[in-house]
Protein backbone atom coordinates (compact mmCIF):
# COMPACT_ATOMS: atom_id res chain seq x y z
CA MET A 1 -23.39 21.64 5.53
CA ASN A 2 -20.81 23.52 3.72
CA SER A 3 -18.00 21.02 2.45
CA ARG A 4 -15.45 23.57 3.60
CA CYS A 5 -16.81 23.70 7.18
CA TRP A 6 -14.13 21.93 9.22
CA SER A 7 -13.37 24.33 12.06
CA TRP A 8 -13.66 22.44 15.34
CA PRO A 9 -16.98 23.82 16.64
CA CYS A 10 -18.44 22.93 13.19
CA SER A 11 -16.93 19.43 13.12
CA LEU A 12 -17.57 18.71 16.64
CA VAL A 13 -21.28 19.24 16.47
CA VAL A 14 -22.02 17.98 12.87
CA LEU A 15 -19.94 15.36 11.45
CA THR A 16 -22.43 13.96 8.91
CA LEU A 17 -25.51 15.11 7.14
CA TRP A 18 -27.66 12.42 5.59
CA VAL A 19 -29.45 13.27 2.46
CA ALA A 20 -31.60 11.23 0.04
CA SER A 21 -29.03 10.78 -2.78
CA PRO A 22 -25.91 8.73 -2.46
CA ALA A 23 -24.30 11.04 -4.80
CA TRP A 24 -24.31 13.65 -2.14
CA ALA A 25 -22.58 11.54 0.42
CA ALA A 26 -19.21 12.84 -0.40
CA GLU A 27 -20.18 16.56 -0.04
CA SER A 28 -22.09 15.97 3.22
CA THR A 29 -19.06 15.16 5.53
CA VAL A 30 -16.14 17.10 6.69
CA ALA A 31 -13.06 16.28 4.44
CA LEU A 32 -10.40 13.99 5.78
CA LYS A 33 -7.76 15.86 3.98
CA GLU A 34 -8.85 19.13 5.67
CA VAL A 35 -9.12 17.63 9.19
CA PHE A 36 -5.45 16.47 8.91
CA GLN A 37 -4.18 19.49 6.81
CA GLY A 38 -0.70 20.64 7.86
CA HIS A 39 0.30 17.20 9.46
CA PHE A 40 0.05 14.46 6.76
CA PRO A 41 -1.61 13.88 3.49
CA ILE A 42 -4.62 11.51 3.46
CA GLY A 43 -4.40 9.23 0.56
CA THR A 44 -6.08 6.17 -0.91
CA ALA A 45 -5.52 3.43 -3.48
CA VAL A 46 -7.37 3.81 -6.74
CA ASN A 47 -8.15 1.36 -9.43
CA ARG A 48 -8.18 1.76 -13.27
CA SER A 49 -11.89 2.48 -13.74
CA MET A 50 -11.78 5.42 -11.31
CA MET A 51 -8.98 7.02 -13.35
CA MET A 52 -10.38 6.10 -16.74
CA GLY A 53 -14.16 6.08 -16.29
CA GLY A 54 -16.86 3.58 -16.95
CA ALA A 55 -17.82 0.43 -15.13
CA GLY A 56 -15.18 -1.26 -13.15
CA PHE A 57 -14.51 -4.35 -10.79
CA ARG A 58 -17.72 -4.75 -8.72
CA ARG A 59 -18.92 -1.20 -9.76
CA SER A 60 -21.36 0.14 -12.33
CA ALA A 61 -20.52 3.34 -14.13
CA ASP A 62 -22.81 5.35 -11.88
CA LEU A 63 -21.26 3.72 -8.68
CA ASN A 64 -17.91 4.43 -10.16
CA THR A 65 -18.78 8.12 -10.56
CA GLN A 66 -19.90 8.26 -6.94
CA ASP A 67 -16.53 6.76 -5.84
CA VAL A 68 -14.68 9.33 -7.69
CA ALA A 69 -16.67 12.01 -6.08
CA LEU A 70 -15.74 10.59 -2.73
CA LEU A 71 -12.16 10.40 -3.73
CA LYS A 72 -11.90 14.01 -4.78
CA HIS A 73 -13.75 15.29 -1.58
CA HIS A 74 -11.68 13.38 1.03
CA PHE A 75 -8.27 12.61 -0.33
CA ASN A 76 -5.21 14.59 -1.44
CA GLN A 77 -2.90 11.70 -2.22
CA ILE A 78 -3.37 8.74 -4.61
CA THR A 79 -1.61 5.45 -5.29
CA ALA A 80 -2.23 2.92 -8.14
CA GLU A 81 -3.54 -0.25 -6.59
CA ASN A 82 -2.19 -2.32 -9.39
CA ASP A 83 -1.54 -0.28 -12.57
CA MET A 84 2.11 0.59 -11.87
CA LYS A 85 3.17 -3.06 -10.73
CA TRP A 86 5.45 -4.59 -13.34
CA GLN A 87 2.92 -7.19 -14.57
CA LEU A 88 0.60 -4.36 -15.78
CA ILE A 89 3.03 -1.54 -16.74
CA HIS A 90 5.69 -3.76 -18.37
CA PRO A 91 4.01 -7.11 -19.33
CA ARG A 92 6.19 -7.71 -22.32
CA GLU A 93 9.97 -7.84 -22.69
CA GLY A 94 11.84 -4.89 -23.99
CA ALA A 95 11.38 -1.16 -24.64
CA GLU A 96 8.21 -1.78 -26.64
CA GLY A 97 6.72 -3.97 -24.01
CA TYR A 98 5.25 -1.21 -21.78
CA ASP A 99 1.57 -0.15 -21.22
CA PHE A 100 1.62 3.18 -19.72
CA GLY A 101 -2.09 4.19 -20.53
CA PRO A 102 -3.63 3.47 -17.14
CA ALA A 103 -0.65 4.88 -15.26
CA ASP A 104 -0.58 7.88 -17.37
CA ALA A 105 -4.29 8.41 -16.52
CA LEU A 106 -3.66 8.20 -12.78
CA VAL A 107 -0.82 10.71 -12.90
CA THR A 108 -2.90 13.11 -15.04
CA PHE A 109 -5.89 12.70 -12.60
CA GLY A 110 -3.85 13.25 -9.60
CA LEU A 111 -2.00 16.27 -10.85
CA SER A 112 -5.21 17.89 -12.17
CA HIS A 113 -6.91 17.60 -8.81
CA GLN A 114 -3.89 18.72 -6.81
CA MET A 115 -3.17 15.32 -5.46
CA GLN A 116 0.20 13.87 -4.60
CA VAL A 117 0.79 10.70 -6.58
CA VAL A 118 2.76 7.79 -5.17
CA GLY A 119 4.34 5.01 -7.50
CA HIS A 120 3.55 1.47 -6.37
CA THR A 121 5.70 -0.66 -7.00
CA LEU A 122 9.05 -1.20 -8.77
CA VAL A 123 10.68 -4.39 -7.39
CA TRP A 124 8.46 -7.04 -5.94
CA HIS A 125 8.49 -10.81 -5.74
CA SER A 126 4.79 -10.94 -7.02
CA GLN A 127 3.00 -9.73 -10.03
CA THR A 128 6.19 -9.77 -12.19
CA PRO A 129 6.00 -11.53 -15.41
CA ASN A 130 8.03 -14.65 -16.19
CA TRP A 131 10.21 -12.99 -18.92
CA VAL A 132 11.91 -10.85 -16.16
CA PHE A 133 13.54 -13.87 -14.60
CA ALA A 134 13.91 -16.16 -17.72
CA GLY A 135 17.19 -16.94 -19.44
CA THR A 136 19.46 -19.63 -20.33
CA ASN A 137 20.80 -20.73 -16.98
CA PRO A 138 19.25 -23.86 -15.35
CA PRO A 139 17.62 -23.36 -12.02
CA PRO A 140 19.47 -24.90 -9.04
CA ASP A 141 18.12 -28.09 -7.61
CA SER A 142 17.24 -26.27 -4.37
CA ALA A 143 17.07 -22.64 -4.71
CA THR A 144 17.63 -21.28 -1.22
CA ASN A 145 19.93 -18.99 0.64
CA ALA A 146 20.49 -20.42 4.05
CA THR A 147 22.17 -17.33 5.42
CA THR A 148 19.71 -14.57 4.29
CA ALA A 149 16.55 -16.10 3.26
CA THR A 150 13.67 -18.24 4.39
CA PRO A 151 10.93 -19.67 2.34
CA SER A 152 7.68 -17.65 2.43
CA PRO A 153 4.23 -17.86 0.95
CA PRO A 154 4.50 -17.11 -2.76
CA ALA A 155 2.30 -14.11 -3.02
CA SER A 156 1.73 -11.13 -0.88
CA THR A 157 -0.43 -7.99 -0.80
CA ASN A 158 -3.22 -6.21 -2.34
CA GLN A 159 -4.54 -7.62 -5.42
CA SER A 160 -8.11 -6.39 -5.61
CA GLY A 161 -10.60 -8.89 -4.19
CA ALA A 162 -10.51 -12.33 -5.98
CA ARG A 163 -9.05 -10.93 -8.98
CA ARG A 164 -5.89 -12.98 -9.51
CA PRO A 165 -3.59 -13.61 -12.56
CA GLY A 166 -3.21 -16.89 -13.92
CA PRO A 167 -0.26 -19.02 -12.97
CA GLY A 168 3.29 -18.34 -14.39
CA PHE A 169 4.16 -15.08 -12.77
CA GLY A 170 7.80 -14.87 -11.59
CA GLY A 171 7.31 -14.42 -8.02
CA GLY A 172 3.78 -15.12 -7.10
CA PHE A 173 0.53 -16.91 -8.15
CA GLY A 174 2.73 -19.77 -9.58
CA ARG A 175 6.48 -19.43 -9.11
CA TYR A 176 8.58 -19.41 -12.22
CA ASN A 177 10.87 -22.51 -12.39
CA GLY A 178 12.27 -22.44 -15.86
CA PRO A 179 15.72 -21.48 -17.04
CA ARG A 180 16.85 -18.36 -15.38
CA ALA A 181 18.58 -15.10 -16.34
CA SER A 182 22.05 -14.46 -14.99
CA ARG A 183 22.67 -11.91 -12.29
CA ASP A 184 23.95 -9.32 -14.73
CA GLU A 185 20.97 -9.93 -16.99
CA LEU A 186 18.43 -9.57 -14.16
CA LEU A 187 20.14 -6.42 -12.90
CA GLN A 188 20.10 -4.99 -16.38
CA ARG A 189 16.38 -5.60 -16.74
CA MET A 190 15.65 -3.98 -13.32
CA ARG A 191 17.74 -0.93 -14.28
CA ASP A 192 16.05 -0.56 -17.57
CA HIS A 193 12.50 -0.93 -15.99
CA ILE A 194 13.26 1.39 -13.18
CA HIS A 195 14.68 4.04 -15.41
CA ALA A 196 11.90 3.84 -17.84
CA VAL A 197 9.08 4.07 -15.28
CA VAL A 198 10.49 6.48 -12.81
CA GLY A 199 11.99 8.50 -15.68
CA ARG A 200 8.66 8.82 -17.47
CA TYR A 201 6.99 10.38 -14.28
CA LYS A 202 10.09 12.33 -13.06
CA GLY A 203 9.00 15.33 -11.18
CA LYS A 204 5.38 14.23 -11.30
CA VAL A 205 5.39 10.99 -9.08
CA LYS A 206 7.42 12.26 -6.14
CA VAL A 207 7.28 9.17 -3.93
CA TRP A 208 8.12 5.49 -4.95
CA ASP A 209 7.69 2.12 -3.27
CA VAL A 210 11.01 1.00 -4.67
CA VAL A 211 11.19 -2.46 -3.08
CA ASN A 212 8.01 -4.28 -1.70
CA GLU A 213 7.96 -7.03 0.91
CA ALA A 214 11.42 -8.37 0.81
CA LEU A 215 11.36 -9.33 4.51
CA ALA A 216 10.80 -12.86 5.63
CA ASP A 217 7.59 -13.82 7.69
CA GLY A 218 7.57 -16.36 10.48
CA ASN A 219 9.80 -16.93 13.45
CA GLY A 220 13.03 -17.99 11.89
CA THR A 221 16.38 -16.04 12.04
CA ASN A 222 16.67 -15.05 8.43
CA VAL A 223 15.92 -11.53 7.47
CA LEU A 224 14.97 -11.78 3.75
CA ARG A 225 12.15 -13.66 2.02
CA ASN A 226 13.43 -16.26 -0.47
CA THR A 227 12.40 -14.88 -3.94
CA LEU A 228 13.96 -15.03 -7.30
CA TRP A 229 15.31 -11.51 -6.81
CA LEU A 230 17.39 -12.73 -3.94
CA GLU A 231 18.37 -16.02 -5.43
CA ILE A 232 19.51 -14.75 -8.84
CA ILE A 233 21.06 -11.35 -7.76
CA GLY A 234 21.84 -11.86 -4.17
CA PRO A 235 20.80 -9.70 -1.13
CA ASP A 236 22.29 -6.59 -2.75
CA PHE A 237 19.16 -6.55 -5.17
CA ILE A 238 17.59 -4.10 -2.70
CA ALA A 239 20.46 -1.56 -2.70
CA LYS A 240 20.68 -1.80 -6.41
CA ALA A 241 16.99 -1.05 -6.93
CA PHE A 242 17.31 2.08 -4.69
CA GLN A 243 20.48 3.07 -6.52
CA PHE A 244 18.54 2.73 -9.92
CA ALA A 245 15.49 4.58 -8.71
CA HIS A 246 17.83 7.44 -7.41
CA GLU A 247 19.56 7.68 -10.64
CA ALA A 248 16.18 7.99 -12.47
CA ASP A 249 14.88 10.75 -10.21
CA PRO A 250 17.18 12.29 -7.70
CA GLU A 251 14.53 14.31 -6.13
CA ALA A 252 12.03 11.49 -5.51
CA ILE A 253 11.38 10.15 -1.96
CA LEU A 254 12.13 6.46 -2.12
CA ARG A 255 10.45 3.98 0.22
CA TYR A 256 10.93 0.56 1.56
CA ASN A 257 7.45 -0.90 1.88
CA ASP A 258 6.22 -3.99 3.84
CA TYR A 259 3.35 -5.49 5.86
CA GLY A 260 3.03 -6.94 9.32
CA LEU A 261 5.51 -4.46 10.80
CA GLU A 262 3.12 -4.44 13.98
CA ASN A 263 4.58 -7.83 14.66
CA PRO A 264 7.78 -7.47 16.83
CA ALA A 265 9.76 -10.12 14.94
CA LYS A 266 8.98 -8.66 11.61
CA ARG A 267 9.73 -5.18 12.81
CA LYS A 268 13.19 -6.48 14.16
CA ARG A 269 13.91 -7.59 10.66
CA LEU A 270 12.89 -4.20 9.30
CA VAL A 271 15.25 -2.36 11.58
CA SER A 272 18.25 -4.71 10.73
CA LEU A 273 17.63 -4.29 7.06
CA ILE A 274 17.32 -0.50 7.07
CA ARG A 275 20.27 -0.11 9.25
CA GLU A 276 22.43 -2.13 7.01
CA LEU A 277 21.18 -0.07 3.97
CA GLN A 278 21.85 3.14 5.84
CA ALA A 279 25.40 2.04 6.70
CA GLN A 280 25.93 1.36 3.04
CA LYS A 281 24.61 4.98 2.12
CA VAL A 282 21.72 3.45 0.15
CA PRO A 283 19.19 6.13 -0.57
CA VAL A 284 16.26 4.95 1.41
CA HIS A 285 14.27 8.08 2.21
CA ALA A 286 11.17 6.56 4.03
CA ILE A 287 9.61 3.51 5.60
CA GLY A 288 6.33 2.30 4.21
CA SER A 289 4.31 0.42 6.81
CA GLN A 290 1.26 -1.10 5.09
CA ALA A 291 -0.88 -1.42 8.25
CA HIS A 292 -3.25 -4.25 7.01
CA VAL A 293 -4.45 -4.71 10.72
CA ASN A 294 -7.52 -6.06 12.29
CA VAL A 295 -10.06 -4.75 14.88
CA SER A 296 -8.06 -6.13 17.64
CA THR A 297 -5.43 -3.57 16.82
CA THR A 298 -5.04 -0.99 19.85
CA PHE A 299 -3.39 2.38 20.35
CA GLU A 300 -0.78 0.68 22.55
CA SER A 301 0.35 -1.70 19.78
CA MET A 302 0.36 0.85 17.12
CA ASP A 303 2.16 3.28 19.38
CA GLN A 304 4.83 0.66 20.23
CA SER A 305 5.23 -0.15 16.52
CA LEU A 306 5.67 3.57 15.41
CA THR A 307 8.03 4.39 18.35
CA GLU A 308 10.37 1.54 17.32
CA MET A 309 10.33 2.31 13.56
CA ALA A 310 10.95 6.02 14.41
CA THR A 311 14.34 4.94 15.73
CA LEU A 312 15.55 4.62 12.22
CA GLY A 313 15.36 8.39 11.79
CA LEU A 314 13.20 8.11 8.61
CA PRO A 315 9.82 9.40 7.86
CA ILE A 316 7.13 6.81 8.31
CA HIS A 317 4.33 6.46 5.58
CA ILE A 318 1.28 4.43 6.41
CA THR A 319 0.86 3.02 2.98
CA GLU A 320 -2.06 0.54 2.74
CA LEU A 321 -4.28 1.01 5.76
CA ASP A 322 -7.44 -1.05 6.47
CA VAL A 323 -8.80 -2.76 9.41
CA ASN A 324 -10.27 -6.31 8.82
CA SER A 325 -13.56 -7.04 10.60
CA ALA A 326 -14.04 -10.59 9.53
CA GLN A 327 -13.81 -13.06 12.27
CA ALA A 328 -11.10 -15.24 10.52
CA GLY A 329 -8.83 -12.13 10.22
CA GLN A 330 -8.38 -11.49 13.87
CA ARG A 331 -5.26 -13.81 14.32
CA GLY A 332 -2.57 -11.79 12.75
CA VAL A 333 -1.52 -8.84 10.68
CA GLY A 334 -0.26 -10.69 7.50
CA ALA A 335 -1.21 -9.64 4.04
CA ASP A 336 -0.57 -12.64 1.78
CA ILE A 337 -2.96 -12.76 -1.15
CA SER A 338 -2.78 -16.57 -0.94
CA ASN A 339 -4.32 -16.38 2.50
CA ASN A 340 -6.77 -13.37 1.85
CA ALA A 341 -9.92 -15.62 1.18
CA ALA A 342 -9.33 -17.36 4.56
CA THR A 343 -8.78 -14.15 6.44
CA THR A 344 -12.05 -12.53 5.17
CA GLN A 345 -14.41 -15.65 6.12
CA GLY A 346 -16.68 -16.38 8.92
CA GLY A 347 -18.70 -13.28 8.80
CA LEU A 348 -18.00 -10.15 10.80
CA VAL A 349 -17.06 -9.99 14.26
CA SER A 350 -19.91 -9.23 16.82
CA ASP A 351 -20.51 -5.44 17.09
CA ALA A 352 -18.25 -4.99 14.14
CA ASP A 353 -19.08 -1.14 13.53
CA GLN A 354 -18.26 -0.32 17.16
CA LYS A 355 -15.02 -2.44 17.10
CA LEU A 356 -14.02 -1.05 13.84
CA ALA A 357 -14.50 2.55 15.22
CA ASP A 358 -12.66 1.80 18.45
CA ALA A 359 -9.63 0.27 16.45
CA TYR A 360 -9.62 3.21 14.08
CA ALA A 361 -9.75 5.72 17.09
CA GLY A 362 -6.64 4.02 18.69
CA ILE A 363 -4.73 3.73 15.31
CA PHE A 364 -5.24 7.35 14.53
CA ARG A 365 -4.53 8.52 18.09
CA ALA A 366 -1.17 6.88 17.60
CA PHE A 367 -0.71 8.55 14.16
CA VAL A 368 -1.48 11.97 15.58
CA LYS A 369 0.87 11.38 18.61
CA HIS A 370 3.64 10.38 16.18
CA ARG A 371 2.90 13.15 13.58
CA ASN A 372 6.47 14.35 13.75
CA SER A 373 7.37 10.93 12.18
CA VAL A 374 4.15 9.87 10.34
CA LYS A 375 4.18 11.94 7.10
CA MET A 376 1.46 10.26 5.19
CA VAL A 377 -1.55 7.98 5.73
CA THR A 378 -2.97 5.98 2.83
CA PHE A 379 -6.09 3.89 2.95
CA TRP A 380 -6.05 0.80 0.71
CA GLY A 381 -9.30 1.70 -1.14
CA VAL A 382 -11.95 4.41 -1.02
CA ASN A 383 -14.78 2.24 0.27
CA ASP A 384 -15.71 -1.30 1.38
CA ALA A 385 -17.02 -2.23 -1.98
CA VAL A 386 -13.74 -1.84 -3.90
CA SER A 387 -11.44 -3.08 -1.04
CA TRP A 388 -9.25 -6.19 -1.58
CA ARG A 389 -10.84 -7.28 1.72
CA ALA A 390 -14.36 -6.47 0.86
CA GLN A 391 -15.91 -9.10 3.04
CA GLY A 392 -13.99 -7.76 5.98
CA LYS A 393 -15.58 -4.31 5.69
CA PRO A 394 -12.24 -2.74 6.46
CA LEU A 395 -12.66 0.88 5.60
CA LEU A 396 -14.20 4.15 6.67
CA PHE A 397 -17.03 4.25 4.01
CA ASP A 398 -19.48 1.51 3.07
CA GLY A 399 -20.38 0.37 -0.41
CA ASP A 400 -22.70 3.11 -0.89
CA ASN A 401 -20.01 5.65 0.16
CA ARG A 402 -21.72 6.48 3.48
CA PRO A 403 -19.54 7.31 6.35
CA LYS A 404 -19.43 4.61 9.06
CA PRO A 405 -18.99 5.15 12.64
CA ALA A 406 -15.27 4.71 12.27
CA PHE A 407 -15.20 7.84 10.09
CA ASN A 408 -16.52 9.91 12.99
CA ALA A 409 -14.02 8.34 15.35
CA VAL A 410 -11.08 9.20 13.19
CA VAL A 411 -12.33 12.88 12.89
CA ALA A 412 -12.89 12.98 16.67
CA GLU A 413 -9.22 11.96 17.21
CA ALA A 414 -8.22 14.98 15.18
CA ASN A 415 -10.56 17.14 17.20
CA LYS A 416 -9.09 15.92 20.53
CA ALA A 417 -5.56 16.73 19.40
CA ALA A 418 -6.79 20.31 18.60
CA LEU A 419 -5.00 20.19 15.24
CA PRO A 420 -4.98 23.67 13.43
């Protein structure tokens, strides 16, 4: 089948052509980026080996080459899964402490293949090195903010698989408890970091996750998660981060990004936070909804979530989409790394392929319905093998890069909508 054959009669009749070599898998399917052309880019998170070549986490060099072929065929937007996070791009203090190599490779790859590049992420409580928060001020006996914050699990989304940094990172995987920077010191470090990273890729990376996962979880009344950013700077750390990013690249689209927005309580916090920032004229340009969901997710639940987020009047970007098929992952839509092992245990749900296809069909039916608001859809990984939730088999392609029934379900939703 011609890889450019995506007109509706063609795609309705033949969605996949099975051939002997897995290397041909990418070229034997209608491209997702073409199916949704003119409505929203279809993106994916990528890892370092895909951008720099060779063997990678869980993948031989040959398999990595096949992953890259799949990437180039189906996707027109990429996000660094880890390599733009503070821990990896700025591991050591000062102007000489940056490691731009992997991020540079990602930007070069994206631009050379006409892909939109998204930066992820500038300010996050997790995967931030200790030096960012360190100083000479003793930590308080009880570091809490009773009016704006509530304690939350220490670490959140999307570290690949079981690859976890050792203890000692400022906001995750072992909370930093040593002497602290002052508010002014931490603000200066934030500004310097954002200006250096965003400024380096000005005009090339046109969308940034500026603040990641600042909202509290649970059923409490507090809006913000209790983090060192909040404790040291105060609740205006979010506004400051957006201000600094806008200074560094006034043309970039700046996102607030969070998980669990399918949960009404979390969504209510989002609306409260964004409306407050809008009232302060903070340059928040889009909502990033991670959409780490499970096979019980329905069209109705996603439709309701998008309807409420759209009331903010901002574009909605689906930033980290995957659908967990593991039995233990059907009880919620959280995305904490500390709970990830538990949420991918117990084997797959019964009839997992069909349930995954049904869930993806409903999810994309909602995306298509809300295409005036949904302006980007990004999967969190190209295939099941490289997914952070690999045991939950959450993506459209299996570990051999073969399309699953869920892939056909997603394409069928585009066909039903008669997209041009």
